[in-house]
């Protein structure tokens, strides 16, 4: 069941990165300068050209991974061919801040499939502890709320069936909604303050499946 794939032959001579006065010879610098640096620069130049073509006025670099892209962009904007005219902003967000606005979380009471999608998402994230603990940590649920309803529903093991019982309980869902309402309000106020909820703003982020997106 193996299929051979003929790959293009590698060039015998690879171009050398130009030396700079302050280059030094530290291995970490060489890797960044010759390998990672060109990739990041090419990506950011493509980002700026796309922003210019789309009329994007604000590029919001989401913390923390996109900070490096922001620093690269701030360096490149001095080059006239790649100047997009867009403003740059560092956006202070985290997964624990934005999960309160999850569409599945908000539709638990109205859509029966939302709980199953939420559970499937939690199963795909590598975490320590039970699925109930993963739910509490990932969605930043108050521990007191979880323990109180878990005790009432006899859901002490915290496995998938216990979590499903919690998510289908109307009293627990009401308390969850009450707990998340002020979190969503603060998040919305911050996004409005930073001009993020605009058709002329684009988010810049690097992440994995269990991250901010």
Protein backbone atom coordinates (compact mmCIF):
# COMPACT_ATOMS: atom_id res chain seq x y z
CA UNK A 1 0.00 0.00 0.00
CA UNK A 2 2.91 2.32 -0.70
CA UNK A 3 2.88 4.69 -3.64
CA UNK A 4 6.11 6.14 -4.90
CA UNK A 5 6.11 9.89 -5.44
CA UNK A 6 8.82 11.39 -7.64
CA UNK A 7 9.87 14.66 -6.11
CA UNK A 8 11.80 17.38 -7.95
CA UNK A 9 15.55 17.04 -7.61
CA UNK A 10 17.12 19.40 -5.10
CA UNK A 11 19.53 21.96 -6.55
CA UNK A 12 23.15 21.11 -5.91
CA UNK A 13 24.04 24.68 -4.97
CA UNK A 14 21.71 26.65 -2.73
CA UNK A 15 21.93 30.46 -2.67
CA UNK A 16 23.67 31.82 0.39
CA UNK A 17 22.02 34.48 2.51
CA UNK A 18 23.89 37.78 2.28
CA UNK A 19 26.10 38.62 5.19
CA UNK A 20 25.21 41.60 7.34
CA UNK A 21 27.56 43.58 9.58
CA UNK A 22 25.82 42.42 12.76
CA UNK A 23 24.98 38.91 11.62
CA UNK A 24 27.18 37.03 14.06
CA UNK A 25 27.49 33.27 13.90
CA UNK A 26 25.13 32.03 16.63
CA UNK A 27 23.20 28.94 15.43
CA UNK A 28 19.85 30.45 16.45
CA UNK A 29 20.55 33.57 14.39
CA UNK A 30 21.59 31.52 11.36
CA UNK A 31 18.37 29.48 11.48
CA UNK A 32 16.26 32.62 11.78
CA UNK A 33 18.16 34.62 9.19
CA UNK A 34 18.46 31.95 6.52
CA UNK A 35 15.34 29.80 7.08
CA UNK A 36 12.57 31.32 9.20
CA UNK A 37 13.21 34.94 8.31
CA UNK A 38 12.60 34.65 4.54
CA UNK A 39 9.39 32.69 5.15
CA UNK A 40 8.02 35.30 7.57
CA UNK A 41 9.05 38.19 5.31
CA UNK A 42 7.41 36.59 2.26
CA UNK A 43 4.22 35.91 4.23
CA UNK A 44 4.00 39.46 5.58
CA UNK A 45 4.65 40.99 2.15
CA UNK A 46 1.82 38.88 0.75
CA UNK A 47 -0.32 40.02 3.70
CA UNK A 48 0.38 43.69 2.98
CA UNK A 49 -0.33 43.32 -0.73
CA UNK A 50 -3.60 41.54 0.04
CA UNK A 51 -4.57 44.25 2.53
CA UNK A 52 -3.85 46.91 -0.08
CA UNK A 53 -5.90 45.09 -2.71
CA UNK A 54 -8.85 44.58 -0.34
CA UNK A 55 -8.83 48.12 1.01
CA UNK A 56 -8.10 46.93 4.55
CA UNK A 57 -7.51 49.89 6.83
CA UNK A 58 -6.56 48.05 10.03
CA UNK A 59 -4.55 44.86 10.50
CA UNK A 60 -5.10 43.57 14.04
CA UNK A 61 -2.34 41.14 15.03
CA UNK A 62 -3.76 38.76 17.63
CA UNK A 63 -1.59 38.01 20.66
CA UNK A 64 0.62 36.23 21.24
CA UNK A 65 1.77 34.29 18.18
CA UNK A 66 1.16 37.11 15.72
CA UNK A 67 3.42 39.51 17.62
CA UNK A 68 6.40 38.34 15.57
CA UNK A 69 4.45 38.98 12.35
CA UNK A 70 3.62 42.46 13.65
CA UNK A 71 7.31 43.21 14.21
CA UNK A 72 8.15 41.96 10.72
CA UNK A 73 5.37 44.10 9.23
CA UNK A 74 6.55 47.19 11.10
CA UNK A 75 10.01 46.66 9.59
CA UNK A 76 8.75 46.07 6.05
CA UNK A 77 6.41 49.07 5.81
CA UNK A 78 9.41 51.29 5.17
CA UNK A 79 9.79 49.57 1.78
CA UNK A 80 7.63 51.57 -0.62
CA UNK A 81 6.65 48.69 -2.96
CA UNK A 82 5.03 46.84 -0.07
CA UNK A 83 3.44 49.73 1.79
CA UNK A 84 -0.26 48.93 2.22
CA UNK A 85 -1.28 52.08 4.02
CA UNK A 86 -3.04 49.97 6.66
CA UNK A 87 -2.73 50.74 10.35
CA UNK A 88 -1.29 48.04 12.61
CA UNK A 89 -2.65 47.14 16.02
CA UNK A 90 -1.69 44.54 18.62
CA UNK A 91 -4.89 42.86 19.80
CA UNK A 92 -4.84 41.53 23.35
CA UNK A 93 -6.96 38.39 23.08
CA UNK A 94 -6.69 34.86 24.36
CA UNK A 95 -8.63 31.65 24.00
CA UNK A 96 -9.99 31.98 27.56
CA UNK A 97 -11.35 35.42 26.73
CA UNK A 98 -13.14 34.61 23.48
CA UNK A 99 -14.61 31.16 24.19
CA UNK A 100 -17.52 32.80 26.04
CA UNK A 101 -18.75 33.89 22.60
CA UNK A 102 -18.59 30.40 21.07
CA UNK A 103 -21.57 29.80 18.78
CA UNK A 104 -22.05 26.25 20.12
CA UNK A 105 -21.94 27.50 23.69
CA UNK A 106 -24.53 30.16 22.98
CA UNK A 107 -26.91 27.78 21.20
CA UNK A 108 -26.90 24.93 23.74
CA UNK A 109 -30.46 25.67 24.86
CA UNK A 110 -31.91 26.03 21.36
CA UNK A 111 -30.04 23.59 19.11
CA UNK A 112 -29.79 19.91 20.14
CA UNK A 113 -26.70 19.35 17.97
CA UNK A 114 -24.70 22.08 19.71
CA UNK A 115 -23.84 19.92 22.72
CA UNK A 116 -22.54 17.10 20.52
CA UNK A 117 -20.42 19.52 18.48
CA UNK A 118 -19.04 20.99 21.69
CA UNK A 119 -18.20 17.55 23.10
CA UNK A 120 -16.59 16.47 19.83
CA UNK A 121 -14.46 19.62 19.88
CA UNK A 122 -13.32 18.92 23.43
CA UNK A 123 -12.42 15.33 22.54
CA UNK A 124 -10.15 16.58 19.76
CA UNK A 125 -8.12 18.74 22.16
CA UNK A 126 -5.34 17.03 24.06
CA UNK A 127 -5.87 17.79 27.73
CA UNK A 128 -5.33 16.29 31.14
CA UNK A 129 -8.22 15.21 33.34
CA UNK A 130 -11.83 14.36 32.60
CA UNK A 131 -13.96 15.79 29.82
CA UNK A 132 -15.84 17.85 32.40
CA UNK A 133 -12.54 19.38 33.52
CA UNK A 134 -11.65 20.07 29.90
CA UNK A 135 -14.98 21.85 29.47
CA UNK A 136 -14.37 23.93 32.60
CA UNK A 137 -10.82 24.89 31.59
CA UNK A 138 -11.38 25.44 27.88
CA UNK A 139 -14.49 27.59 28.27
CA UNK A 140 -13.34 29.28 31.47
CA UNK A 141 -16.42 28.12 33.38
CA UNK A 142 -16.52 29.09 37.09
CA UNK A 143 -15.46 26.05 39.12
CA UNK A 144 -18.17 26.65 41.73
CA UNK A 145 -20.86 26.46 39.05
CA UNK A 146 -19.55 23.15 37.72
CA UNK A 147 -19.19 21.54 41.15
CA UNK A 148 -22.64 22.69 42.31
CA UNK A 149 -24.48 21.31 39.30
CA UNK A 150 -22.32 18.19 39.07
CA UNK A 151 -23.26 17.39 42.67
CA UNK A 152 -26.95 18.02 41.98
CA UNK A 153 -26.95 15.89 38.81
CA UNK A 154 -24.79 13.14 40.32
CA UNK A 155 -22.20 13.78 37.62
CA UNK A 156 -19.13 13.35 39.78
CA UNK A 157 -16.96 11.24 37.45
CA UNK A 158 -16.89 14.00 34.84
CA UNK A 159 -16.94 11.65 31.86
CA UNK A 160 -18.71 12.25 28.57
CA UNK A 161 -22.12 11.08 29.81
CA UNK A 162 -21.84 13.39 32.83
CA UNK A 163 -20.97 16.35 30.65
CA UNK A 164 -23.83 15.55 28.29
CA UNK A 165 -26.19 15.47 31.27
CA UNK A 166 -24.92 18.84 32.44
CA UNK A 167 -25.30 20.41 28.99
CA UNK A 168 -28.87 19.19 28.66
CA UNK A 169 -29.97 20.46 32.07
CA UNK A 170 -32.01 23.68 31.88
CA UNK A 171 -30.97 24.96 35.32
CA UNK A 172 -27.29 24.46 34.57
CA UNK A 173 -27.65 26.13 31.17
CA UNK A 174 -29.41 29.10 32.73
CA UNK A 175 -26.57 29.58 35.23
CA UNK A 176 -23.98 29.17 32.47
CA UNK A 177 -25.73 31.84 30.40
CA UNK A 178 -25.82 34.17 33.40
CA UNK A 179 -22.10 33.61 34.06
CA UNK A 180 -21.05 34.18 30.45
CA UNK A 181 -23.19 37.28 29.81
CA UNK A 182 -20.81 39.78 31.50
CA UNK A 183 -17.80 38.10 29.86
CA UNK A 184 -19.34 38.54 26.40
CA UNK A 185 -20.26 42.12 27.19
CA UNK A 186 -16.68 42.99 28.16
CA UNK A 187 -15.33 41.23 25.07
CA UNK A 188 -17.75 43.11 22.80
CA UNK A 189 -16.86 46.45 24.42
CA UNK A 190 -13.16 45.80 23.87
CA UNK A 191 -13.64 44.81 20.21
CA UNK A 192 -15.74 47.91 19.58
CA UNK A 193 -13.20 50.10 21.35
CA UNK A 194 -10.39 48.75 19.19
CA UNK A 195 -12.44 49.14 15.98
CA UNK A 196 -12.29 45.39 15.32
CA UNK A 197 -15.95 44.95 14.39
CA UNK A 198 -15.52 46.72 11.06
CA UNK A 199 -15.50 45.54 7.46
CA UNK A 200 -12.22 47.43 7.00
CA UNK A 201 -10.42 45.43 9.73
CA UNK A 202 -8.69 42.08 9.29
CA UNK A 203 -7.35 39.79 12.02
CA UNK A 204 -3.86 38.34 11.68
CA UNK A 205 -3.19 35.20 13.69
CA UNK A 206 -1.22 31.99 13.72
CA UNK A 207 -2.82 29.21 15.71
CA UNK A 208 -3.90 25.60 16.00
CA UNK A 209 -7.32 24.00 16.03
CA UNK A 210 -7.90 24.52 19.75
CA UNK A 211 -6.80 28.13 19.67
CA UNK A 212 -8.51 31.50 19.35
CA UNK A 213 -10.27 30.81 16.07
